[in-house]
Amino acid sequence: MDEKIHYMLRFNQCAEKQNIIHELVEKEKIIKMMEEKKMDFLSDTCLAIARIRVKFDEVEYEMDLAESRLQGKLEGRIEGKKMLMKHWLSQHFELSEKEAYWIDHLSEEALLDLWQNFDKAHVSDNL
């Protein structure tokens, strides 16, 4: 208890004033307890927000990783088709370095278009 309050209780003879002082002391204890609970709540809330942020970062990382893997697979397929295209063409035609360079630098759309024509030619070769 605060020294001033202790002094007021000890030397004040009026019972009514002592009761008011006791009530104020009790209310002050309640206020302190409520402030502690508020601080605990804020601390718990901050911790929960931090955990959510960590989880969000983990999910975002996993999504980025999955997207990168998907992009890598797509690029691998495209590169594989380019290599197969160059191999097939070199088996049937004399493929210059310049032509090989062009195949290596085809856009995905152009490669798919060429691939469809290659596929048709490849099927007709096997027939």
N, C-alpha and C. Protein backbone atom coordinates (compact mmCIF):
# COMPACT_ATOMS: atom_id res chain seq x y z
N MET A 1 0.85 -1.17 0.00
CA MET A 1 0.00 0.00 0.00
C MET A 1 0.90 1.24 0.00
N ASP A 2 0.46 2.24 -0.67
CA ASP A 2 1.20 3.51 -0.77
C ASP A 2 1.33 4.13 0.63
N GLU A 3 2.46 4.77 0.89
CA GLU A 3 2.70 5.36 2.21
C GLU A 3 1.68 6.44 2.55
N LYS A 4 1.29 7.23 1.59
CA LYS A 4 0.32 8.31 1.85
C LYS A 4 -1.03 7.71 2.27
N ILE A 5 -1.43 6.66 1.59
CA ILE A 5 -2.70 6.02 1.93
C ILE A 5 -2.60 5.41 3.32
N HIS A 6 -1.50 4.76 3.60
CA HIS A 6 -1.30 4.19 4.93
C HIS A 6 -1.36 5.27 6.02
N TYR A 7 -0.74 6.40 5.75
CA TYR A 7 -0.76 7.52 6.68
C TYR A 7 -2.19 8.02 6.87
N MET A 8 -2.93 8.17 5.75
CA MET A 8 -4.31 8.68 5.84
C MET A 8 -5.19 7.72 6.63
N LEU A 9 -5.01 6.43 6.45
CA LEU A 9 -5.82 5.46 7.18
C LEU A 9 -5.45 5.44 8.67
N ARG A 10 -4.21 5.57 8.97
CA ARG A 10 -3.75 5.45 10.35
C ARG A 10 -4.16 6.66 11.19
N PHE A 11 -4.08 7.85 10.60
CA PHE A 11 -4.33 9.04 11.40
C PHE A 11 -5.69 9.69 11.16
N ASN A 12 -6.48 9.12 10.31
CA ASN A 12 -7.81 9.67 10.08
C ASN A 12 -8.79 8.93 10.98
N GLN A 13 -9.50 9.70 11.80
CA GLN A 13 -10.41 9.11 12.78
C GLN A 13 -11.81 8.88 12.23
N CYS A 14 -12.11 9.49 11.10
CA CYS A 14 -13.45 9.38 10.54
C CYS A 14 -13.60 8.04 9.82
N ALA A 15 -14.53 7.23 10.29
CA ALA A 15 -14.75 5.90 9.72
C ALA A 15 -15.22 5.98 8.27
N GLU A 16 -16.05 6.97 7.97
CA GLU A 16 -16.57 7.12 6.61
C GLU A 16 -15.43 7.40 5.62
N LYS A 17 -14.51 8.29 6.05
CA LYS A 17 -13.36 8.60 5.19
C LYS A 17 -12.48 7.37 5.03
N GLN A 18 -12.33 6.60 6.12
CA GLN A 18 -11.51 5.38 6.03
C GLN A 18 -12.15 4.38 5.07
N ASN A 19 -13.46 4.27 5.08
CA ASN A 19 -14.16 3.37 4.16
C ASN A 19 -13.95 3.82 2.70
N ILE A 20 -14.03 5.12 2.48
CA ILE A 20 -13.82 5.66 1.12
C ILE A 20 -12.38 5.36 0.67
N ILE A 21 -11.44 5.56 1.58
CA ILE A 21 -10.04 5.28 1.25
C ILE A 21 -9.87 3.80 0.93
N HIS A 22 -10.48 2.92 1.73
CA HIS A 22 -10.40 1.47 1.47
C HIS A 22 -11.01 1.14 0.09
N GLU A 23 -12.13 1.75 -0.21
CA GLU A 23 -12.77 1.52 -1.51
C GLU A 23 -11.85 1.98 -2.65
N LEU A 24 -11.24 3.16 -2.45
CA LEU A 24 -10.32 3.66 -3.48
C LEU A 24 -9.12 2.72 -3.65
N VAL A 25 -8.62 2.21 -2.56
CA VAL A 25 -7.50 1.27 -2.61
C VAL A 25 -7.92 0.01 -3.37
N GLU A 26 -9.11 -0.50 -3.07
CA GLU A 26 -9.61 -1.69 -3.77
C GLU A 26 -9.81 -1.41 -5.26
N LYS A 27 -10.37 -0.25 -5.57
CA LYS A 27 -10.57 0.11 -6.97
C LYS A 27 -9.24 0.26 -7.69
N GLU A 28 -8.25 0.81 -7.00
CA GLU A 28 -6.93 0.94 -7.60
C GLU A 28 -6.33 -0.44 -7.89
N LYS A 29 -6.53 -1.39 -6.99
CA LYS A 29 -6.05 -2.76 -7.20
C LYS A 29 -6.74 -3.38 -8.42
N ILE A 30 -8.04 -3.15 -8.51
CA ILE A 30 -8.81 -3.67 -9.65
C ILE A 30 -8.32 -3.06 -10.96
N ILE A 31 -8.07 -1.75 -10.93
CA ILE A 31 -7.58 -1.06 -12.13
C ILE A 31 -6.21 -1.61 -12.53
N LYS A 32 -5.33 -1.82 -11.56
CA LYS A 32 -4.01 -2.38 -11.86
C LYS A 32 -4.15 -3.78 -12.45
N MET A 33 -5.06 -4.58 -11.86
CA MET A 33 -5.28 -5.93 -12.35
C MET A 33 -5.82 -5.89 -13.79
N MET A 34 -6.75 -4.96 -14.05
CA MET A 34 -7.31 -4.83 -15.40
C MET A 34 -6.23 -4.38 -16.39
N GLU A 35 -5.35 -3.47 -15.97
CA GLU A 35 -4.26 -3.03 -16.83
C GLU A 35 -3.31 -4.18 -17.13
N GLU A 36 -3.02 -5.01 -16.12
CA GLU A 36 -2.18 -6.18 -16.34
C GLU A 36 -2.82 -7.14 -17.33
N LYS A 37 -4.14 -7.34 -17.18
CA LYS A 37 -4.85 -8.23 -18.11
C LYS A 37 -4.84 -7.65 -19.52
N LYS A 38 -5.01 -6.33 -19.59
CA LYS A 38 -4.98 -5.66 -20.90
C LYS A 38 -3.61 -5.85 -21.55
N MET A 39 -2.56 -5.69 -20.75
CA MET A 39 -1.20 -5.86 -21.28
C MET A 39 -0.97 -7.31 -21.71
N ASP A 40 -1.48 -8.25 -20.91
CA ASP A 40 -1.37 -9.66 -21.29
C ASP A 40 -2.11 -9.93 -22.60
N PHE A 41 -3.29 -9.36 -22.71
CA PHE A 41 -4.09 -9.52 -23.92
C PHE A 41 -3.35 -8.94 -25.13
N LEU A 42 -2.81 -7.73 -24.97
CA LEU A 42 -2.07 -7.10 -26.06
C LEU A 42 -0.83 -7.92 -26.44
N SER A 43 -0.16 -8.43 -25.43
CA SER A 43 1.02 -9.26 -25.68
C SER A 43 0.63 -10.53 -26.43
N ASP A 44 -0.46 -11.18 -25.97
CA ASP A 44 -0.95 -12.39 -26.65
C ASP A 44 -1.38 -12.09 -28.08
N THR A 45 -2.02 -10.94 -28.27
CA THR A 45 -2.46 -10.54 -29.60
C THR A 45 -1.27 -10.30 -30.52
N CYS A 46 -0.26 -9.62 -30.01
CA CYS A 46 0.96 -9.38 -30.80
C CYS A 46 1.63 -10.70 -31.17
N LEU A 47 1.67 -11.61 -30.23
CA LEU A 47 2.26 -12.92 -30.49
C LEU A 47 1.45 -13.67 -31.55
N ALA A 48 0.13 -13.61 -31.45
CA ALA A 48 -0.73 -14.27 -32.43
C ALA A 48 -0.54 -13.66 -33.82
N ILE A 49 -0.44 -12.35 -33.88
CA ILE A 49 -0.21 -11.67 -35.17
C ILE A 49 1.14 -12.10 -35.75
N ALA A 50 2.15 -12.17 -34.90
CA ALA A 50 3.48 -12.59 -35.37
C ALA A 50 3.43 -14.02 -35.91
N ARG A 51 2.71 -14.90 -35.23
CA ARG A 51 2.57 -16.28 -35.71
C ARG A 51 1.84 -16.33 -37.04
N ILE A 52 0.81 -15.52 -37.18
CA ILE A 52 0.07 -15.47 -38.44
C ILE A 52 0.98 -14.97 -39.56
N ARG A 53 1.77 -13.95 -39.27
CA ARG A 53 2.70 -13.43 -40.28
C ARG A 53 3.70 -14.50 -40.70
N VAL A 54 4.23 -15.25 -39.73
CA VAL A 54 5.17 -16.32 -40.04
C VAL A 54 4.49 -17.37 -40.92
N LYS A 55 3.27 -17.74 -40.55
CA LYS A 55 2.53 -18.73 -41.33
C LYS A 55 2.26 -18.21 -42.74
N PHE A 56 1.88 -16.94 -42.84
CA PHE A 56 1.63 -16.33 -44.14
C PHE A 56 2.91 -16.35 -44.98
N ASP A 57 4.04 -16.01 -44.36
CA ASP A 57 5.32 -16.04 -45.07
C ASP A 57 5.66 -17.46 -45.54
N GLU A 58 5.39 -18.45 -44.69
CA GLU A 58 5.64 -19.84 -45.08
C GLU A 58 4.78 -20.24 -46.27
N VAL A 59 3.51 -19.88 -46.23
CA VAL A 59 2.60 -20.22 -47.33
C VAL A 59 3.04 -19.50 -48.61
N GLU A 60 3.40 -18.22 -48.47
CA GLU A 60 3.86 -17.46 -49.63
C GLU A 60 5.13 -18.07 -50.21
N TYR A 61 6.04 -18.51 -49.34
CA TYR A 61 7.28 -19.15 -49.80
C TYR A 61 6.96 -20.44 -50.54
N GLU A 62 6.07 -21.25 -49.97
CA GLU A 62 5.69 -22.52 -50.61
C GLU A 62 5.03 -22.27 -51.97
N MET A 63 4.20 -21.23 -52.05
CA MET A 63 3.56 -20.90 -53.33
C MET A 63 4.61 -20.45 -54.35
N ASP A 64 5.55 -19.63 -53.91
CA ASP A 64 6.62 -19.18 -54.81
C ASP A 64 7.46 -20.36 -55.27
N LEU A 65 7.75 -21.27 -54.34
CA LEU A 65 8.53 -22.45 -54.67
C LEU A 65 7.79 -23.33 -55.67
N ALA A 66 6.49 -23.54 -55.45
CA ALA A 66 5.69 -24.34 -56.38
C ALA A 66 5.64 -23.67 -57.75
N GLU A 67 5.48 -22.36 -57.76
CA GLU A 67 5.46 -21.63 -59.03
C GLU A 67 6.80 -21.74 -59.74
N SER A 68 7.88 -21.65 -58.99
CA SER A 68 9.21 -21.79 -59.58
C SER A 68 9.42 -23.19 -60.15
N ARG A 69 8.96 -24.19 -59.40
CA ARG A 69 9.08 -25.57 -59.90
C ARG A 69 8.28 -25.75 -61.18
N LEU A 70 7.07 -25.22 -61.18
CA LEU A 70 6.23 -25.31 -62.37
C LEU A 70 6.88 -24.61 -63.55
N GLN A 71 7.41 -23.42 -63.29
CA GLN A 71 8.11 -22.67 -64.34
C GLN A 71 9.32 -23.45 -64.84
N GLY A 72 10.05 -24.06 -63.92
CA GLY A 72 11.22 -24.86 -64.29
C GLY A 72 10.83 -26.05 -65.14
N LYS A 73 9.73 -26.71 -64.78
CA LYS A 73 9.27 -27.85 -65.57
C LYS A 73 8.87 -27.40 -66.97
N LEU A 74 8.17 -26.27 -67.04
CA LEU A 74 7.75 -25.74 -68.34
C LEU A 74 8.97 -25.41 -69.19
N GLU A 75 9.93 -24.73 -68.58
CA GLU A 75 11.15 -24.39 -69.31
C GLU A 75 11.90 -25.66 -69.73
N GLY A 76 11.92 -26.66 -68.87
CA GLY A 76 12.56 -27.93 -69.20
C GLY A 76 11.88 -28.63 -70.37
N ARG A 77 10.57 -28.61 -70.38
CA ARG A 77 9.83 -29.21 -71.50
C ARG A 77 10.14 -28.47 -72.80
N ILE A 78 10.14 -27.15 -72.71
CA ILE A 78 10.42 -26.36 -73.91
C ILE A 78 11.84 -26.65 -74.40
N GLU A 79 12.80 -26.67 -73.47
CA GLU A 79 14.18 -26.97 -73.87
C GLU A 79 14.28 -28.37 -74.44
N GLY A 80 13.56 -29.32 -73.84
CA GLY A 80 13.56 -30.69 -74.35
C GLY A 80 13.00 -30.76 -75.76
N LYS A 81 11.94 -30.03 -76.00
CA LYS A 81 11.36 -30.02 -77.34
C LYS A 81 12.31 -29.38 -78.33
N LYS A 82 13.01 -28.34 -77.91
CA LYS A 82 13.99 -27.69 -78.79
C LYS A 82 15.11 -28.67 -79.14
N MET A 83 15.60 -29.39 -78.14
CA MET A 83 16.67 -30.36 -78.38
C MET A 83 16.19 -31.48 -79.30
N LEU A 84 14.99 -31.97 -79.05
CA LEU A 84 14.44 -33.03 -79.89
C LEU A 84 14.23 -32.54 -81.31
N MET A 85 13.76 -31.31 -81.42
CA MET A 85 13.54 -30.71 -82.73
C MET A 85 14.87 -30.61 -83.48
N LYS A 86 15.90 -30.10 -82.82
CA LYS A 86 17.21 -29.98 -83.47
C LYS A 86 17.75 -31.36 -83.85
N HIS A 87 17.58 -32.34 -82.99
CA HIS A 87 18.06 -33.69 -83.27
C HIS A 87 17.34 -34.27 -84.49
N TRP A 88 16.04 -34.16 -84.49
CA TRP A 88 15.26 -34.70 -85.62
C TRP A 88 15.64 -34.00 -86.92
N LEU A 89 15.73 -32.66 -86.85
CA LEU A 89 16.08 -31.91 -88.06
C LEU A 89 17.49 -32.27 -88.54
N SER A 90 18.42 -32.44 -87.61
CA SER A 90 19.79 -32.78 -88.01
C SER A 90 19.87 -34.19 -88.60
N GLN A 91 18.91 -35.06 -88.24
CA GLN A 91 18.87 -36.41 -88.81
C GLN A 91 18.36 -36.38 -90.26
N HIS A 92 17.52 -35.39 -90.56
CA HIS A 92 16.88 -35.33 -91.88
C HIS A 92 17.45 -34.25 -92.79
N PHE A 93 18.07 -33.24 -92.19
CA PHE A 93 18.61 -32.12 -92.95
C PHE A 93 19.95 -31.73 -92.36
N GLU A 94 20.68 -30.99 -93.13
CA GLU A 94 21.92 -30.43 -92.59
C GLU A 94 21.55 -29.17 -91.83
N LEU A 95 21.69 -29.21 -90.52
CA LEU A 95 21.27 -28.11 -89.65
C LEU A 95 22.47 -27.22 -89.37
N SER A 96 22.39 -25.97 -89.80
CA SER A 96 23.50 -25.04 -89.56
C SER A 96 23.45 -24.53 -88.12
N GLU A 97 24.56 -23.94 -87.70
CA GLU A 97 24.61 -23.35 -86.35
C GLU A 97 23.60 -22.22 -86.22
N LYS A 98 23.43 -21.49 -87.28
CA LYS A 98 22.48 -20.38 -87.27
C LYS A 98 21.05 -20.90 -87.08
N GLU A 99 20.72 -21.97 -87.78
CA GLU A 99 19.38 -22.56 -87.63
C GLU A 99 19.19 -23.14 -86.22
N ALA A 100 20.22 -23.77 -85.69
CA ALA A 100 20.15 -24.28 -84.32
C ALA A 100 19.97 -23.13 -83.34
N TYR A 101 20.67 -22.02 -83.58
CA TYR A 101 20.52 -20.83 -82.74
C TYR A 101 19.08 -20.31 -82.80
N TRP A 102 18.49 -20.27 -83.99
CA TRP A 102 17.10 -19.80 -84.13
C TRP A 102 16.14 -20.70 -83.35
N ILE A 103 16.37 -21.99 -83.45
CA ILE A 103 15.50 -22.92 -82.70
C ILE A 103 15.64 -22.67 -81.20
N ASP A 104 16.87 -22.46 -80.75
CA ASP A 104 17.11 -22.21 -79.32
C ASP A 104 16.42 -20.94 -78.83
N HIS A 105 16.20 -20.00 -79.73
CA HIS A 105 15.64 -18.71 -79.33
C HIS A 105 14.20 -18.50 -79.80
N LEU A 106 13.52 -19.60 -80.13
CA LEU A 106 12.11 -19.49 -80.50
C LEU A 106 11.26 -19.15 -79.29
N SER A 107 10.19 -18.39 -79.53
CA SER A 107 9.23 -18.15 -78.46
C SER A 107 8.46 -19.44 -78.22
N GLU A 108 7.78 -19.49 -77.10
CA GLU A 108 7.00 -20.70 -76.78
C GLU A 108 5.94 -20.95 -77.84
N GLU A 109 5.27 -19.89 -78.28
CA GLU A 109 4.22 -20.04 -79.31
C GLU A 109 4.80 -20.56 -80.61
N ALA A 110 5.90 -19.97 -81.03
CA ALA A 110 6.52 -20.40 -82.29
C ALA A 110 7.00 -21.84 -82.18
N LEU A 111 7.55 -22.19 -81.02
CA LEU A 111 8.01 -23.56 -80.82
C LEU A 111 6.85 -24.53 -80.89
N LEU A 112 5.73 -24.19 -80.24
CA LEU A 112 4.57 -25.08 -80.27
C LEU A 112 4.04 -25.24 -81.69
N ASP A 113 4.04 -24.16 -82.45
CA ASP A 113 3.60 -24.23 -83.84
C ASP A 113 4.54 -25.13 -84.64
N LEU A 114 5.83 -24.93 -84.48
CA LEU A 114 6.82 -25.75 -85.17
C LEU A 114 6.72 -27.20 -84.71
N TRP A 115 6.48 -27.37 -83.40
CA TRP A 115 6.37 -28.73 -82.83
C TRP A 115 5.20 -29.48 -83.46
N GLN A 116 4.08 -28.79 -83.65
CA GLN A 116 2.92 -29.44 -84.28
C GLN A 116 3.27 -29.88 -85.70
N ASN A 117 3.96 -29.02 -86.43
CA ASN A 117 4.39 -29.40 -87.78
C ASN A 117 5.40 -30.53 -87.74
N PHE A 118 6.30 -30.48 -86.77
CA PHE A 118 7.28 -31.55 -86.58
C PHE A 118 6.58 -32.86 -86.27
N ASP A 119 5.57 -32.78 -85.40
CA ASP A 119 4.83 -33.97 -85.01
C ASP A 119 4.14 -34.59 -86.22
N LYS A 120 3.53 -33.77 -87.05
CA LYS A 120 2.89 -34.26 -88.27
C LYS A 120 3.92 -34.91 -89.20
N ALA A 121 5.05 -34.25 -89.37
CA ALA A 121 6.10 -34.79 -90.24
C ALA A 121 6.67 -36.07 -89.67
N HIS A 122 6.84 -36.11 -88.36
CA HIS A 122 7.39 -37.29 -87.69
C HIS A 122 6.45 -38.48 -87.85
N VAL A 123 5.14 -38.23 -87.70
CA VAL A 123 4.14 -39.31 -87.86
C VAL A 123 4.15 -39.81 -89.30
N SER A 124 4.21 -38.90 -90.28
CA SER A 124 4.19 -39.33 -91.66
C SER A 124 5.47 -40.06 -92.03
N ASP A 125 6.61 -39.74 -91.37
CA ASP A 125 7.87 -40.47 -91.59
C ASP A 125 7.74 -41.91 -91.11
N ASN A 126 7.05 -42.08 -90.00
CA ASN A 126 6.92 -43.43 -89.44
C ASN A 126 5.93 -44.28 -90.21
N LEU A 127 5.07 -43.65 -90.99
CA LEU A 127 4.10 -44.41 -91.77
C LEU A 127 4.79 -44.88 -92.99
